[in-house]
């Protein structure tokens, strides 16, 4: 649960759909802050004490902030509190006629109710610093007019729009480029950045006071927003330039007054994305081919092992086949993931199945269980760990449950900490001697595991008796790259 959800639940008693409505507003209210040249405070009312609590705060990119300090979680007093309580009680916009000087600078305040399900669940306090006021330009006048219309939409419950995706990593902001349309689709104002974006697309003539159909390369999608009163996002590409656009209809009483078009040139961003996609595809193909080549080598060794006349040679080749298969499994996982991360939990479970199938014996039943979570690991960590796990599983299955054994259980424990990864393979067989030293042991698999963990990963490796009644515990601890 996020801190915003906790605050809304604990201080305002809001839950579920009301919280979701507020979260939707928070995801989009930067637009209002920038258009209004004002700070925004989302305020809720504590039903027990009646206190007005600040649940969220937004500063404008277009003006100097009123509040240098963080107010989230604090309570409001003075004129601001009175206006907010009025908005709660009346469910209507409250605009103060005189500026508030309590902070040392003149601040014009406005309280915007946020309705939901027939009640006011929050109030947005809009606070603008008037100390920097001068003769406004056409851009500023258009910004302020649009901000007032958005504020009215919030009070009417028409903004934010229901059903829009709140996750917008590259969504255009007010300063990226802004066009104001009237209800017929004619441009009443275009900011300099918006004009520049159109020029990148090849529109060199003046766009102000012209209909979209006269110059826009995708006017149909924009006209949908005006005709149906719903937001539309589109991307236009021409002459090597790419422009992302978001159209927000401006409504009053359900009637479309016009639209706000936010524009952002994303040419370089899209070029980099395409390069990354091409690079990811190439890397995945390389991993796929490496996996295929390793499997081919394993197949050749498997064929060769069948021609061996001694059990020792045949077993040595089969062990090599298994080790190559463990490495191939990591490359197979990487060939399926564009992020070049290995889901080691899946690798561990597949290794358990592969090793168990290769060493199964109908005369004894061995159950292997995987516990805990490893999450995603970098390839340089996952590959040696997969090989080590394969060695430890084979060691447990071969030596803990030999001839005459009825079988048992092997537990693989995975534990990922903030900076380290721990893996244990524990069996319930007879167990190693109390003075067992894996470094001097004749077991090749344990020596391979020790070398990979200590030399390649800079970790530690130990093999010990699991308990007084027997069993063996092999433990691996490795640091995770930052």
Foldseek 3Di string as FASTA:
>chain_A
DDQLQVCLCPQAVDDDPVSVLVVQCVLPCLQLQQLQVWKKFKWFARPPPRWIATSDIDHHPNHDYPDPDDRHGHTDDDPQSVQQVCCQVVLAKDWDPFFDCPSPFGKTWIWAFADDPHGGGIIMITIHGCPPDDPDDPSSVVSNVVSVLVSQCRSVNPPPPPPDDSDDPPDFHPVQWKFWWFLQQATQDTDPNNQVLLVLQPQPDDRHRGHCVVRPPPVVQQNCCSVVVQKGWDWDDHPQWIKTKIWHFRDDPRHTGTIMIGIHTCSVVVVVVVVLVVVLLVLLVVLVVLLVVLLVVLVVLQVVLVVDPDPVSNVVSPLVSLLSNLLSLQSNQSSVDSVQWHQLVVSLVVLLVVLCVVLPDPQADEAEEEDDGAGIAHSLVSNLVSSLSNLVSNCCSDPQAHPPRNYFYWYWYWDDDPWKIKIKIKTAGQADDQPDDLCPDPRPSSVSNQCCQCPRQVWHWDWHFPDPRGIIMIMIMGTGDD
